[in-house]
Amino acid sequence: MSEMGASTVIKRKHRKRFRFPGLEIYGVLIYLFLYMPLIVVLVYSFNSSQSAMRFQSLTLEWYQKLFSDSTLLLALFNSLKVSLIAVSCAVIIGTSGAIFLNRVSFKGKDLFRSIALMPIILPGIIIGLSILIFILNLKIPLSMFTVLLGHLTFTTAVVLQQVSARLSRLSKNLENAAMDLGAPPIKAFFYVTLPMIKRAIIGGALLAFTMSFDEIIITYFLTSTFTTLPIYIYGMLRFGLSPEIYAISAVVLVFSIVLIILTARFTGTEDEKLIS
């Protein structure tokens, strides 16, 4: 029996695993389909030709024009300002909400959690239109404040989701042990719980900032004369493609990639080593 078992194991080891023919080529084609437009944007942002469809030679002219355009710089400043304020408020509200949902039990808790996370799932056009109707009924003029309210809906949900996921993996006994040793609840939170969820808070904030900075649909519904960078780029597109649009898009693309990399860095599990 032992010889038969050994031969069976050897046969299984030498048995070839079935592989779909051309799987590597298929994977390369999928990645090309996803990322080739981004590569084209980056390459054509250095195009010296006035035509957006014909490449001549490399130049930095369009980037120089970008950073000398006062209107564009104002739109960039507006986007950064809205994103920073929205994310700062979202971190406070989202983290508090996550702690509340983690520690308090009540009827309909799962339903409440699902409703709180709905802004991530719902299309931006639905959220923007709903907030617009609500604001118009309250006679509030469209401004930076209304744009900020719109961004708070999904940025808060993002932070809430990230922090809730981390809290669900942490043991409540750690904070209870600190209080058993004489630490007051507030001190136990800041010295025990907060260090273990800080990476989730930072990662959620970076992800929320990326989404807020690139948001256009909700902003389009809730703004009047207040212009953010995505709105500015959309306005330029109505007059056709130009190398300057490629340059703006390349700057936003690189900035977003950096934020995504930082988000992946801070949403790891290294902070869980604190409980090991």
Foldseek 3Di string as FASTA:
>chain_A
DVVVVVVVVVCVVPDDDDDDPPPVVVVVVVVCVVCVVVVLLVVLLQAPDFDSPDRDDGHCVLVVVQVVDPVLVLQAVLLLVLLVVLLVVLLVLLLVVLVCLLPDDDPCSVVVLCVLLCVVVDDLLVLLVVLLVVCVVVVHAFASVSLSVSLNSNLNSLLNVLLNVQSVPDDPVQLVVVVVVPDPNVRSCVVPVCLLRVLSSVLSSLVSSLCSSQDDNSNVSRHDPRHHNNNVLVVVCVVPDGSSSSNSVSVNVVVSVVSVVSSVVSSDNPSVVVVD
